[in-house]
Protein backbone atom coordinates (compact mmCIF):
# COMPACT_ATOMS: atom_id res chain seq x y z
CA MET A 1 0.19 -0.02 0.18
CA GLU A 2 1.15 3.54 -0.31
CA THR A 3 1.86 5.86 2.23
CA ARG A 4 -1.29 7.45 3.19
CA LYS A 5 -1.77 11.63 2.84
CA PRO A 6 -3.59 12.98 5.11
CA PRO A 7 -6.29 15.09 3.43
CA LEU A 8 -6.16 18.99 3.24
CA LEU A 9 -8.64 19.78 5.57
CA GLN A 10 -10.44 23.24 6.33
CA ASP A 11 -9.82 24.45 10.40
CA GLY A 12 -12.31 22.98 12.26
CA GLU A 13 -13.54 20.16 9.47
CA PRO A 14 -13.15 16.86 10.43
CA GLU A 15 -11.92 13.92 8.42
CA ARG A 16 -14.23 11.23 7.21
CA VAL A 17 -13.36 7.94 6.00
CA PHE A 18 -15.34 5.39 4.22
CA PHE A 19 -16.01 2.25 5.83
CA THR A 20 -18.08 -0.34 4.68
CA HIS A 21 -20.05 -3.25 6.44
CA ASP A 22 -18.67 -6.15 5.92
CA GLU A 23 -20.82 -9.93 6.67
CA SER A 24 -19.78 -13.52 6.13
CA SER A 25 -21.80 -16.72 7.00
CA PHE A 26 -20.58 -19.93 7.68
CA HIS A 27 -22.62 -23.12 7.61
CA ALA A 28 -21.26 -26.37 9.41
CA ASN A 29 -21.70 -28.65 6.65
CA ASP A 30 -19.82 -26.21 3.59
CA GLY A 31 -17.72 -27.61 1.30
CA MET A 32 -18.86 -31.14 1.93
CA GLY A 33 -18.16 -32.40 -1.80
CA LYS A 34 -16.14 -35.15 -0.87
CA LEU A 35 -16.30 -37.93 2.22
CA TRP A 36 -15.13 -41.62 3.17
CA ALA A 37 -17.62 -44.38 2.87
CA PRO A 38 -17.54 -48.14 2.32
CA VAL A 39 -16.97 -49.30 -1.32
CA GLY A 40 -20.08 -50.11 -2.77
CA ASP A 41 -22.20 -47.73 -0.12
CA LEU A 42 -24.43 -44.74 -0.83
CA PRO A 43 -22.51 -41.85 1.07
CA LEU A 44 -24.77 -40.55 4.21
CA ARG A 45 -25.03 -36.63 3.60
CA PRO A 46 -26.40 -34.13 6.01
CA LYS A 47 -29.96 -32.70 5.02
CA SER A 48 -29.13 -29.52 5.39
CA ARG A 49 -26.52 -27.09 5.28
CA GLY A 50 -26.09 -27.49 9.22
CA ARG A 51 -25.37 -24.67 11.88
CA CYS A 52 -25.04 -21.39 10.98
CA ILE A 53 -22.63 -18.13 12.25
CA MET A 54 -22.33 -15.26 11.09
CA VAL A 55 -19.20 -12.76 11.22
CA SER A 56 -19.98 -8.84 10.64
CA ALA A 57 -17.71 -6.11 10.76
CA PHE A 58 -17.14 -2.51 9.39
CA VAL A 59 -13.70 -2.31 7.44
CA SER A 60 -12.30 0.47 5.13
CA PRO A 61 -9.44 -0.13 2.41
CA GLU A 62 -7.27 2.91 3.98
CA CYS A 63 -7.83 2.03 7.60
CA GLY A 64 -8.44 -1.66 7.89
CA LEU A 65 -10.73 -3.03 10.92
CA LEU A 66 -12.89 -0.31 12.77
CA LYS A 67 -11.31 -0.39 15.93
CA LEU A 68 -10.58 2.15 18.80
CA ASN A 69 -7.18 3.27 18.48
CA GLU A 70 -5.02 2.68 21.47
CA GLN A 71 -5.67 5.96 23.79
CA GLU A 72 -9.26 4.86 23.06
CA GLN A 73 -8.10 1.20 24.47
CA ASN A 74 -6.88 3.06 27.39
CA LEU A 75 -9.74 5.03 28.38
CA ASN A 76 -12.11 2.01 27.74
CA ASN A 77 -9.80 -0.37 30.14
CA ALA A 78 -10.20 2.36 32.48
CA LEU A 79 -13.86 2.04 33.02
CA PRO A 80 -16.07 -0.20 35.25
CA GLU A 81 -16.17 -3.56 33.40
CA ALA A 82 -19.96 -3.31 33.53
CA GLU A 83 -18.94 -0.10 31.18
CA CYS A 84 -16.32 -1.23 28.74
CA ILE A 85 -17.27 -1.79 25.05
CA PRO A 86 -15.47 -4.47 22.85
CA VAL A 87 -12.10 -3.14 21.19
CA ASP A 88 -13.28 -3.83 17.49
CA SER A 89 -16.63 -3.54 15.35
CA THR A 90 -16.75 -7.59 14.64
CA LYS A 91 -19.54 -9.08 15.55
CA ILE A 92 -20.29 -12.94 15.43
CA ILE A 93 -23.81 -14.18 16.03
CA HIS A 94 -25.32 -17.86 15.89
CA VAL A 95 -27.95 -17.74 13.59
CA GLY A 96 -31.46 -19.10 14.33
CA ALA A 97 -34.39 -18.65 16.02
CA LYS A 98 -32.94 -21.19 18.48
CA ALA A 99 -30.08 -19.53 18.78
CA ASP A 100 -28.83 -15.51 18.76
CA GLY A 101 -31.84 -15.00 16.17
CA TYR A 102 -31.66 -13.45 12.60
CA TRP A 103 -29.37 -10.57 11.62
CA LYS A 104 -31.74 -7.41 11.09
CA ASN A 105 -30.96 -3.83 10.09
CA GLU A 106 -31.31 -2.82 14.18
CA ASN A 107 -28.28 -4.94 14.98
CA MET A 108 -26.11 -3.31 12.49
CA ILE A 109 -27.01 -0.11 13.65
CA ALA A 110 -26.26 -1.04 17.52
CA GLN A 111 -23.00 -2.93 16.60
CA VAL A 112 -21.34 0.60 15.70
CA PHE A 113 -23.14 3.08 17.86
CA PHE A 114 -22.77 1.17 21.06
CA LYS A 115 -19.21 0.44 20.25
CA PHE A 116 -17.75 3.66 19.01
CA ILE A 117 -20.10 6.47 18.63
CA ARG A 118 -21.06 6.29 22.38
CA HIS A 119 -17.26 6.16 23.32
CA SER A 120 -16.03 8.65 21.20
CA SER A 121 -18.46 11.05 22.08
CA SER A 122 -17.50 10.75 25.74
CA ARG A 123 -13.81 12.45 24.88
């Protein structure tokens, strides 16, 4: 990557960095194309793709994963345990009605708001 050049900003103008939401889902039976079975026996294949987890995060081509910087991490570590927040935007959920539920737009908004905006505004 090239060395980052800071933007030319007017006095008091905040720097804005573009972040995108990225998510991936993984199933327990993903990629089960081949399996071992006795010669002549039909293979027993799972009826479904299996349990699913979803990994959700905010990333930027310029900055990488959205996370607290070192100073913010130190401030976060000094808070009482009940008020501490995760240090990066990664959220992992176990998808399904009998697990964490299903990912909704409200979850994505809460993921970034409660982890970063609330923390940043307290400075």
